[in-house]
Amino acid sequence: MQYSRILESFLIPAYYSVRGRSYPKLRRFVEGSQWWSRDQIREFQWREARRLLELAFGSVPFYQRKYAEIEFGDIKTPEDFAKLPVLKREEVAGYREEMCLQKARTKLLPHATGGSSGVPTRFFITPESYDWRCAASARAYSWSGYRIGDRTMYLWGSPVGKVSRFQKAKLDSYRFVRRELFIATFQQTPESWRKTFDAAIRFQPKFIVGYVSSIEEFARFLQARDLHISGIQAVIAGAEPVGPTTRELVLQTFRAPLFDTYGSREFMSIAAECEAHNGLHIHADNLLVENESGDDHGPSELLVTDLHNFGMPFIRYRIGDVGALTSSSCPCGRGLPLISVLEGRSLEVLRTPEGRAVSPILWRHVLKDVSEVKEFQVQQTALDEIVVSLVLGNPLSESSETLLRKEMAKVFTAKTRVTIKPVSAIPRLPSGKRRLAVGIGQLN
């Protein structure tokens, strides 16, 4: 605690002050703004959105063309804003240079997504926007009790591509100061999990952060061998949807609560759970998140506007995730709005021949009761064909197969062919993350 206080109160502010950056000021700001009322947050959002729109209409070639038939003066209310055309991932890839504010070019920082949709998205952000993101992310982690400098073990992906000695030394120094231990979880074997456990015993983390699937696999490894890591205060999960049994698994194994988070490379932390575990609070002081179909129509595609990336504005960006927003309040008292349901990547949403969407969360619910299944992936090879790949601990019994087919029949009609295929392993993305389902056209 003393070390964290020194970092947060002295070392980090001094570091950012020397660099002329805004993180300490913004960290203090978001610590206070989370307690604003809903109306105060909406007013702040709209002021920031208007600033962003004025810039886009006046100085960004891409938006000047995209909004050619719209007058800036006509966007007077949030309802008017919600009628603006959606920004698509393909547009970001194809018109990246035109999306940038020219006078900000010397200050832009290059970033890219991991390409989970098949094609990486490359974009730019400003240093100010990066500081906003870091402030929001630090706030999200703080809801679990975490403070910068607390010993934290990350079950995360490994860096992609060649890393120079300078980059490695810089990253190692950063992690040393923050007391962070990173474990790459792309390769997941009993041997690698044993090494992870041994490293954890030596490191003695207070927090574990990781991909949902990595946390689950590590927990199962520990349970199967009756191993325990003492002193864990919380487990922070992200990058994948949290399943119905994950929280109990984490609580039993690590004797600590799980805190769900939601983010992306384009925006960093988008939303996170607080101590009330009543949905995910959106960082509405930095982002404006909408449902494409409207707030009252259940889960649909999420649209995200970055309120502070003035170098390359993302306005009503279709991020590729499906979720539902709620107007209900959280018992914690924070005014930040909530995502009540987060169903995952839209490319993981399967379709029935009749056109109905099927959430990837369904497969967790169905397969959690099939005891032989260790891991799975559901692929839609055609509108009328589903392939269920299963990694089995024991041969699939007749009763389990009957249960699986019966549950599938509740969603898909008799026109749909369902193939159950035992496999030795489920392929993972380069980052180490897994895909529960693969929608039609996304198999490569």
Protein backbone atom coordinates (compact mmCIF):
# COMPACT_ATOMS: atom_id res chain seq x y z
CA MET A 1 0.00 0.00 0.00
CA GLN A 2 2.83 2.39 0.87
CA TYR A 3 4.59 1.61 -2.42
CA SER A 4 1.35 2.20 -4.40
CA ARG A 5 0.81 5.52 -2.62
CA ILE A 6 4.33 6.69 -3.52
CA LEU A 7 3.82 5.67 -7.16
CA GLU A 8 0.40 7.31 -7.51
CA SER A 9 1.14 10.44 -5.53
CA PHE A 10 4.71 11.26 -6.55
CA LEU A 11 6.52 9.14 -9.13
CA ILE A 12 3.81 8.85 -11.78
CA PRO A 13 2.75 12.53 -11.62
CA ALA A 14 6.42 13.58 -11.82
CA TYR A 15 7.01 11.32 -14.84
CA TYR A 16 4.03 12.70 -16.77
CA SER A 17 4.81 16.27 -15.74
CA VAL A 18 8.31 16.02 -17.24
CA ARG A 19 6.75 14.73 -20.47
CA GLY A 20 4.10 17.47 -20.51
CA ARG A 21 1.25 14.93 -20.41
CA SER A 22 -2.24 15.12 -18.92
CA TYR A 23 -2.69 11.71 -17.27
CA PRO A 24 -2.48 12.81 -13.58
CA LYS A 25 -4.99 15.63 -14.13
CA LEU A 26 -7.36 13.34 -16.06
CA ARG A 27 -7.02 10.57 -13.47
CA ARG A 28 -8.21 13.01 -10.80
CA PHE A 29 -11.00 14.21 -13.10
CA VAL A 30 -12.45 10.75 -13.82
CA GLU A 31 -12.23 9.83 -10.14
CA GLY A 32 -14.69 12.65 -9.46
CA SER A 33 -16.84 12.46 -12.62
CA GLN A 34 -17.88 8.86 -11.93
CA TRP A 35 -20.06 10.24 -9.10
CA TRP A 36 -21.84 12.80 -11.26
CA SER A 37 -25.55 12.36 -11.89
CA ARG A 38 -26.75 10.83 -15.16
CA ASP A 39 -27.86 14.27 -16.33
CA GLN A 40 -24.46 15.83 -15.58
CA ILE A 41 -22.71 13.05 -17.51
CA ARG A 42 -25.06 13.44 -20.49
CA GLU A 43 -24.47 17.20 -20.54
CA PHE A 44 -20.70 16.70 -20.47
CA GLN A 45 -20.91 14.04 -23.20
CA TRP A 46 -22.93 16.29 -25.47
CA ARG A 47 -20.56 19.24 -25.03
CA GLU A 48 -17.60 17.02 -25.94
CA ALA A 49 -19.50 15.46 -28.84
CA ARG A 50 -20.32 18.90 -30.24
CA ARG A 51 -16.61 19.88 -30.08
CA LEU A 52 -15.72 16.70 -31.93
CA LEU A 53 -18.39 17.22 -34.59
CA GLU A 54 -17.35 20.81 -35.17
CA LEU A 55 -13.83 19.59 -35.83
CA ALA A 56 -15.01 16.76 -38.10
CA PHE A 57 -17.28 18.99 -40.17
CA GLY A 58 -14.72 21.75 -40.45
CA SER A 59 -11.30 20.11 -40.72
CA VAL A 60 -11.44 16.35 -41.48
CA PRO A 61 -11.68 15.50 -45.21
CA PHE A 62 -13.29 12.08 -44.68
CA TYR A 63 -16.16 13.44 -42.59
CA GLN A 64 -16.61 16.47 -44.80
CA ARG A 65 -17.35 14.03 -47.62
CA LYS A 66 -19.31 11.54 -45.49
CA TYR A 67 -21.52 14.29 -44.03
CA ALA A 68 -21.73 16.29 -47.28
CA GLU A 69 -25.52 16.40 -47.20
CA ILE A 70 -25.68 17.34 -43.49
CA GLU A 71 -25.18 20.78 -41.98
CA PHE A 72 -23.31 21.01 -38.68
CA GLY A 73 -25.92 23.47 -37.44
CA ASP A 74 -28.60 20.81 -37.92
CA ILE A 75 -27.02 18.57 -35.24
CA LYS A 76 -28.61 20.27 -32.24
CA THR A 77 -29.53 17.33 -29.98
CA PRO A 78 -28.32 13.83 -29.11
CA GLU A 79 -31.28 12.56 -31.14
CA ASP A 80 -29.89 14.38 -34.19
CA PHE A 81 -26.47 12.89 -33.46
CA ALA A 82 -27.99 9.38 -33.45
CA LYS A 83 -29.09 9.88 -37.07
CA LEU A 84 -25.55 10.39 -38.37
CA PRO A 85 -24.31 7.58 -40.63
CA VAL A 86 -22.35 4.80 -38.96
CA LEU A 87 -18.56 4.57 -39.33
CA LYS A 88 -17.52 1.12 -40.58
CA ARG A 89 -14.28 -0.77 -40.00
CA GLU A 90 -13.69 -0.94 -43.77
CA GLU A 91 -13.82 2.86 -43.95
CA VAL A 92 -11.14 3.19 -41.27
CA ALA A 93 -8.93 0.77 -43.21
CA GLY A 94 -9.55 2.46 -46.55
CA TYR A 95 -9.55 6.16 -45.60
CA ARG A 96 -7.20 6.33 -42.64
CA GLU A 97 -5.22 9.29 -43.95
CA GLU A 98 -8.35 11.29 -44.80
CA MET A 99 -9.76 10.64 -41.32
CA CYS A 100 -6.83 12.46 -39.70
CA LEU A 101 -6.75 16.11 -38.74
CA GLN A 102 -3.85 17.38 -40.83
CA LYS A 103 -2.48 19.89 -38.33
CA ALA A 104 -2.29 17.14 -35.70
CA ARG A 105 -0.23 14.73 -37.83
CA THR A 106 3.07 15.36 -36.04
CA LYS A 107 1.47 14.47 -32.70
CA LEU A 108 -0.34 11.28 -33.73
CA LEU A 109 0.53 7.89 -32.23
CA PRO A 110 0.08 4.79 -34.47
CA HIS A 111 -2.01 1.91 -33.13
CA ALA A 112 -3.62 -1.24 -34.53
CA THR A 113 -6.17 -3.84 -33.52
CA GLY A 114 -5.22 -7.48 -33.20
CA GLY A 115 -7.18 -8.45 -36.31
CA SER A 116 -9.64 -10.85 -34.64
CA SER A 117 -12.07 -10.09 -37.47
CA GLY A 118 -9.48 -11.30 -39.97
CA VAL A 119 -8.06 -7.91 -40.94
CA PRO A 120 -6.15 -5.64 -38.49
CA THR A 121 -7.42 -2.07 -38.24
CA ARG A 122 -4.66 0.54 -38.19
CA PHE A 123 -5.39 3.98 -36.79
CA PHE A 124 -3.95 6.97 -34.93
CA ILE A 125 -4.65 8.58 -31.57
CA THR A 126 -3.36 11.74 -29.91
CA PRO A 127 -1.28 11.75 -26.70
CA GLU A 128 -4.20 13.50 -24.94
CA SER A 129 -6.57 10.74 -26.03
CA TYR A 130 -4.12 8.10 -24.80
CA ASP A 131 -4.01 9.79 -21.40
CA TRP A 132 -7.83 9.76 -21.26
CA ARG A 133 -7.77 6.04 -22.00
CA CYS A 134 -5.16 5.31 -19.35
CA ALA A 135 -7.12 7.31 -16.76
CA ALA A 136 -10.33 5.42 -17.56
CA SER A 137 -8.53 2.07 -17.47
CA ALA A 138 -6.92 2.84 -14.10
CA ARG A 139 -10.33 3.81 -12.72
CA ALA A 140 -11.86 0.56 -14.00
CA TYR A 141 -9.19 -1.55 -12.30
CA SER A 142 -9.53 0.46 -9.09
CA TRP A 143 -13.12 -0.76 -8.70
CA SER A 144 -11.67 -4.19 -7.87
CA GLY A 145 -9.48 -2.66 -5.15
CA TYR A 146 -6.39 -2.59 -7.38
CA ARG A 147 -3.89 0.26 -7.14
CA ILE A 148 -0.90 0.83 -9.41
CA GLY A 149 2.05 -0.94 -7.81
CA ASP A 150 0.05 -3.82 -6.36
CA ARG A 151 1.64 -7.11 -7.35
CA THR A 152 -0.32 -8.27 -10.41
CA MET A 153 0.05 -11.36 -12.59
CA TYR A 154 -1.19 -11.09 -16.20
CA LEU A 155 -2.32 -14.16 -18.15
CA TRP A 156 -2.17 -12.37 -21.47
CA GLY A 157 -1.00 -12.63 -25.07
CA SER A 158 2.61 -12.34 -26.08
CA PRO A 159 3.93 -9.48 -28.24
CA VAL A 160 3.53 -10.08 -31.97
CA GLY A 161 6.53 -9.60 -34.25
CA LYS A 162 10.12 -8.74 -33.46
CA VAL A 163 10.77 -6.69 -30.32
CA SER A 164 13.99 -4.69 -30.22
CA ARG A 165 16.33 -4.79 -27.22
CA PHE A 166 15.44 -1.20 -26.41
CA GLN A 167 11.70 -1.93 -26.52
CA LYS A 168 12.15 -5.02 -24.37
CA ALA A 169 14.27 -3.15 -21.82
CA LYS A 170 11.74 -0.32 -21.69
CA LEU A 171 8.83 -2.74 -21.22
CA ASP A 172 10.69 -4.77 -18.59
CA SER A 173 11.49 -1.58 -16.65
CA TYR A 174 7.87 -0.43 -16.85
CA ARG A 175 6.62 -3.77 -15.51
CA PHE A 176 9.28 -3.88 -12.79
CA VAL A 177 8.29 -0.46 -11.45
CA ARG A 178 4.59 -1.35 -11.53
CA ARG A 179 5.30 -4.83 -10.08
CA GLU A 180 3.66 -6.74 -12.93
CA LEU A 181 4.37 -10.32 -13.99
CA PHE A 182 3.31 -11.19 -17.56
CA ILE A 183 2.72 -14.80 -18.57
CA ALA A 184 2.11 -15.45 -22.29
CA THR A 185 -0.78 -17.91 -22.57
CA PHE A 186 -0.77 -18.69 -26.28
CA GLN A 187 0.59 -22.15 -25.51
CA GLN A 188 -1.52 -23.78 -22.80
CA THR A 189 -0.23 -27.15 -21.61
CA PRO A 190 0.02 -28.80 -18.18
CA GLU A 191 3.73 -28.00 -18.26
CA SER A 192 3.17 -24.30 -19.01
CA TRP A 193 0.51 -24.02 -16.30
CA ARG A 194 2.85 -25.70 -13.80
CA LYS A 195 5.49 -23.06 -14.61
CA THR A 196 2.84 -20.37 -14.23
CA PHE A 197 1.88 -21.70 -10.81
CA ASP A 198 5.52 -21.85 -9.70
CA ALA A 199 6.07 -18.28 -10.90
CA ALA A 200 2.95 -17.14 -9.02
CA ILE A 201 4.16 -18.73 -5.78
CA ARG A 202 7.45 -16.86 -6.10
CA PHE A 203 5.83 -13.58 -7.17
CA GLN A 204 2.91 -13.65 -4.68
CA PRO A 205 0.39 -11.59 -6.70
CA LYS A 206 -2.53 -9.78 -5.07
CA PHE A 207 -4.40 -9.54 -8.39
CA ILE A 208 -4.70 -11.70 -11.49
CA VAL A 209 -5.62 -10.12 -14.83
CA GLY A 210 -6.22 -12.15 -17.97
CA TYR A 211 -8.24 -13.44 -20.86
CA VAL A 212 -11.36 -15.20 -19.64
CA SER A 213 -10.32 -18.48 -21.28
CA SER A 214 -6.80 -18.31 -19.82
CA ILE A 215 -8.16 -17.67 -16.33
CA GLU A 216 -10.57 -20.59 -16.70
CA GLU A 217 -7.89 -22.99 -17.94
CA PHE A 218 -5.47 -21.99 -15.19
CA ALA A 219 -8.21 -22.39 -12.56
CA ARG A 220 -9.08 -25.88 -13.83
CA PHE A 221 -5.42 -26.86 -13.76
CA LEU A 222 -5.13 -25.72 -10.13
CA GLN A 223 -8.36 -27.44 -9.09
CA ALA A 224 -7.40 -30.74 -10.71
CA ARG A 225 -4.15 -30.80 -8.72
CA ASP A 226 -5.49 -29.26 -5.52
CA LEU A 227 -3.10 -26.31 -5.83
CA HIS A 228 -3.76 -22.90 -4.31
CA ILE A 229 -2.31 -19.41 -4.60
CA SER A 230 -2.91 -17.49 -1.39
CA GLY A 231 -3.45 -13.76 -1.03
CA ILE A 232 -5.43 -13.07 -4.23
CA GLN A 233 -7.79 -10.13 -3.66
CA ALA A 234 -9.51 -10.05 -7.05
CA VAL A 235 -9.40 -11.53 -10.54
CA ILE A 236 -9.93 -9.09 -13.43
CA ALA A 237 -11.12 -10.69 -16.68
CA GLY A 238 -11.38 -9.30 -20.17
CA ALA A 239 -11.12 -9.81 -23.95
CA GLU A 240 -13.78 -12.57 -23.99
CA PRO A 241 -17.33 -12.98 -22.62
CA VAL A 242 -17.65 -14.25 -19.05
CA GLY A 243 -19.60 -17.51 -18.96
CA PRO A 244 -22.25 -18.52 -16.43
CA THR A 245 -19.88 -20.79 -14.49
CA THR A 246 -16.75 -18.63 -14.65
CA ARG A 247 -17.44 -16.57 -11.53
CA GLU A 248 -18.01 -19.60 -9.36
CA LEU A 249 -14.92 -21.30 -10.78
CA VAL A 250 -12.81 -18.22 -9.95
CA LEU A 251 -14.30 -17.88 -6.48
CA GLN A 252 -13.69 -21.55 -5.64
CA THR A 253 -10.15 -21.62 -7.04
CA PHE A 254 -8.71 -18.23 -6.13
CA ARG A 255 -11.08 -17.43 -3.24
CA ALA A 256 -11.57 -14.00 -4.73
CA PRO A 257 -14.30 -12.24 -6.75
CA LEU A 258 -14.16 -11.82 -10.51
CA PHE A 259 -14.44 -8.37 -12.10
CA ASP A 260 -15.49 -8.33 -15.74
CA THR A 261 -14.13 -5.68 -18.12
CA TYR A 262 -14.81 -4.73 -21.73
CA GLY A 263 -12.40 -2.96 -24.03
CA SER A 264 -10.84 -2.82 -27.47
CA ARG A 265 -7.65 -1.65 -29.12
CA GLU A 266 -9.55 1.20 -30.78
CA PHE A 267 -10.67 2.67 -27.42
CA MET A 268 -8.87 0.75 -24.67
CA SER A 269 -11.20 0.39 -21.64
CA ILE A 270 -14.85 0.84 -22.65
CA ALA A 271 -16.69 -0.48 -19.59
CA ALA A 272 -16.08 -2.46 -16.41
CA GLU A 273 -17.76 -3.95 -13.37
CA CYS A 274 -17.71 -2.18 -10.04
CA GLU A 275 -17.95 -3.82 -6.64
CA ALA A 276 -21.75 -4.16 -7.00
CA HIS A 277 -21.39 -6.55 -9.99
CA ASN A 278 -24.54 -5.10 -11.55
CA GLY A 279 -23.46 -4.75 -15.17
CA LEU A 280 -20.53 -2.89 -16.71
CA HIS A 281 -20.16 0.87 -16.20
CA ILE A 282 -19.39 2.67 -19.46
CA HIS A 283 -16.64 5.30 -19.34
CA ALA A 284 -19.18 7.86 -20.51
CA ASP A 285 -16.90 10.78 -19.67
CA ASN A 286 -14.54 9.55 -22.41
CA LEU A 287 -16.79 7.59 -24.76
CA LEU A 288 -20.33 7.73 -26.08
CA VAL A 289 -21.73 4.21 -26.55
CA GLU A 290 -24.99 3.52 -28.40
CA ASN A 291 -27.04 0.53 -29.50
CA GLU A 292 -27.45 0.67 -33.26
CA SER A 293 -31.06 -0.51 -32.99
CA GLY A 294 -31.89 1.85 -30.10
CA ASP A 295 -31.58 1.41 -26.34
CA ASP A 296 -34.91 -0.37 -25.84
CA HIS A 297 -34.64 -3.09 -28.46
CA GLY A 298 -32.43 -5.58 -26.62
CA PRO A 299 -28.90 -6.58 -27.68
CA SER A 300 -27.66 -5.16 -30.98
CA GLU A 301 -24.46 -3.86 -32.55
CA LEU A 302 -22.63 -1.33 -30.36
CA LEU A 303 -21.57 2.04 -31.77
CA VAL A 304 -18.73 3.90 -30.03
CA THR A 305 -17.66 7.54 -30.32
CA ASP A 306 -14.30 8.56 -28.86
CA LEU A 307 -14.95 12.00 -27.41
CA HIS A 308 -11.28 12.96 -27.13
CA ASN A 309 -9.37 11.56 -30.11
CA PHE A 310 -9.32 14.80 -32.08
CA GLY A 311 -6.41 13.63 -34.26
CA MET A 312 -8.42 10.86 -35.96
CA PRO A 313 -12.08 11.04 -34.88
CA PHE A 314 -14.06 7.84 -34.49
CA ILE A 315 -17.73 8.89 -34.65
CA ARG A 316 -20.47 6.27 -34.25
CA TYR A 317 -18.00 3.47 -35.01
CA ARG A 318 -19.49 0.00 -35.44
CA ILE A 319 -17.03 -1.84 -33.25
CA GLY A 320 -18.20 -5.36 -34.08
CA ASP A 321 -19.58 -6.28 -30.65
CA VAL A 322 -23.15 -7.03 -29.64
CA GLY A 323 -24.58 -5.83 -26.33
CA ALA A 324 -27.51 -4.21 -24.56
CA LEU A 325 -27.58 -0.90 -22.71
CA THR A 326 -29.83 -0.26 -19.73
CA SER A 327 -31.29 2.88 -18.19
CA SER A 328 -31.28 1.34 -14.70
CA SER A 329 -28.98 2.67 -11.97
CA CYS A 330 -26.29 0.81 -10.08
CA PRO A 331 -26.51 0.41 -6.28
CA CYS A 332 -22.93 1.72 -6.05
CA GLY A 333 -24.20 5.25 -6.72
CA ARG A 334 -22.04 5.97 -9.77
CA GLY A 335 -23.81 7.89 -12.50
CA LEU A 336 -21.92 6.15 -15.31
CA PRO A 337 -24.42 4.25 -17.51
CA LEU A 338 -24.41 0.47 -17.74
CA ILE A 339 -24.08 -2.27 -20.30
CA SER A 340 -26.42 -4.94 -18.93
CA VAL A 341 -25.60 -7.68 -21.45
CA LEU A 342 -22.44 -8.12 -23.51
CA GLU A 343 -22.78 -11.00 -25.96
CA GLY A 344 -19.44 -10.84 -27.72
CA ARG A 345 -18.17 -10.26 -31.23
CA SER A 346 -20.77 -9.85 -33.95
CA LEU A 347 -18.67 -12.16 -36.14
CA GLU A 348 -19.37 -14.87 -33.53
CA VAL A 349 -23.13 -14.44 -33.88
CA LEU A 350 -24.56 -17.32 -35.89
CA ARG A 351 -27.72 -17.11 -38.00
CA THR A 352 -30.63 -19.49 -38.46
CA PRO A 353 -31.93 -20.13 -42.00
CA GLU A 354 -34.82 -17.85 -41.06
CA GLY A 355 -32.40 -15.00 -40.28
CA ARG A 356 -32.55 -15.03 -36.46
CA ALA A 357 -29.33 -14.21 -34.60
CA VAL A 358 -27.87 -16.75 -32.16
CA SER A 359 -25.54 -15.39 -29.47
CA PRO A 360 -22.22 -17.21 -28.81
CA ILE A 361 -23.12 -17.16 -25.12
CA LEU A 362 -25.71 -19.87 -25.88
CA TRP A 363 -22.99 -22.47 -26.43
CA ARG A 364 -21.60 -21.94 -22.94
CA HIS A 365 -25.03 -22.54 -21.46
CA VAL A 366 -25.59 -25.70 -23.51
CA LEU A 367 -22.16 -27.28 -23.20
CA LYS A 368 -21.62 -26.58 -19.51
CA ASP A 369 -23.89 -29.57 -18.83
CA VAL A 370 -21.97 -31.93 -21.13
CA SER A 371 -19.34 -33.23 -18.73
CA GLU A 372 -17.14 -34.87 -21.38
CA VAL A 373 -16.44 -31.53 -23.11
CA LYS A 374 -13.21 -29.75 -22.15
CA GLU A 375 -13.23 -27.14 -24.93
CA PHE A 376 -15.39 -26.35 -27.94
CA GLN A 377 -15.98 -24.19 -30.99
CA VAL A 378 -19.14 -23.87 -33.05
CA GLN A 379 -18.68 -23.05 -36.73
CA GLN A 380 -21.37 -22.09 -39.23
CA THR A 381 -20.19 -23.34 -42.60
CA ALA A 382 -23.47 -22.44 -44.31
CA LEU A 383 -26.84 -21.04 -43.27
CA ASP A 384 -28.14 -24.59 -42.96
CA GLU A 385 -25.00 -26.28 -41.61
CA ILE A 386 -23.35 -26.17 -38.16
CA VAL A 387 -20.14 -27.97 -37.13
CA VAL A 388 -19.55 -28.42 -33.39
CA SER A 389 -15.87 -29.17 -32.69
CA LEU A 390 -15.28 -30.73 -29.26
CA VAL A 391 -12.13 -31.45 -27.29
CA LEU A 392 -13.23 -34.37 -25.10
CA GLY A 393 -11.91 -35.61 -21.79
CA ASN A 394 -13.86 -38.84 -22.30
CA PRO A 395 -15.77 -40.22 -25.32
CA LEU A 396 -19.09 -38.45 -25.82
CA SER A 397 -21.83 -40.62 -24.38
CA GLU A 398 -25.06 -41.29 -26.20
CA SER A 399 -27.03 -39.37 -23.57
CA SER A 400 -24.71 -36.34 -23.85
CA GLU A 401 -24.97 -36.31 -27.64
CA THR A 402 -28.75 -36.60 -27.38
CA LEU A 403 -28.83 -33.66 -24.94
CA LEU A 404 -26.62 -31.58 -27.22
CA ARG A 405 -28.69 -32.27 -30.32
CA LYS A 406 -31.91 -31.64 -28.43
CA GLU A 407 -30.71 -28.23 -27.24
CA MET A 408 -29.46 -27.35 -30.73
CA ALA A 409 -32.87 -28.28 -32.14
CA LYS A 410 -34.49 -25.69 -29.88
CA VAL A 411 -32.59 -22.97 -31.75
CA PHE A 412 -32.07 -24.38 -35.24
CA THR A 413 -34.83 -26.01 -37.29
CA ALA A 414 -34.71 -29.49 -38.80
CA LYS A 415 -33.42 -27.88 -42.00
CA THR A 416 -30.06 -27.28 -40.29
CA ARG A 417 -27.48 -30.09 -40.43
CA VAL A 418 -25.52 -30.39 -37.19
CA THR A 419 -22.18 -32.25 -37.29
CA ILE A 420 -20.46 -33.12 -34.00
CA LYS A 421 -16.71 -33.49 -34.55
CA PRO A 422 -14.24 -34.59 -31.85
CA VAL A 423 -10.88 -32.80 -32.28
CA SER A 424 -7.58 -32.82 -30.42
CA ALA A 425 -7.40 -29.01 -30.03
CA ILE A 426 -9.24 -25.81 -30.86
CA PRO A 427 -7.12 -23.33 -32.85
CA ARG A 428 -6.53 -20.01 -31.14
CA LEU A 429 -6.03 -16.55 -32.51
CA PRO A 430 -2.41 -15.26 -32.68
CA SER A 431 -3.03 -13.33 -29.44
CA GLY A 432 -3.88 -16.54 -27.58
CA LYS A 433 -7.58 -15.75 -27.33
CA ARG A 434 -10.16 -18.29 -28.44
CA ARG A 435 -13.34 -17.90 -30.43
CA LEU A 436 -16.43 -19.67 -29.06
CA ALA A 437 -18.23 -19.47 -32.37
CA VAL A 438 -17.33 -18.60 -35.93
CA GLY A 439 -20.03 -17.05 -38.06
CA ILE A 440 -20.54 -17.76 -41.72
CA GLY A 441 -17.84 -16.22 -43.88
CA GLN A 442 -15.38 -15.91 -40.95
CA LEU A 443 -13.71 -19.32 -41.10
CA ASN A 444 -10.33 -18.12 -42.43
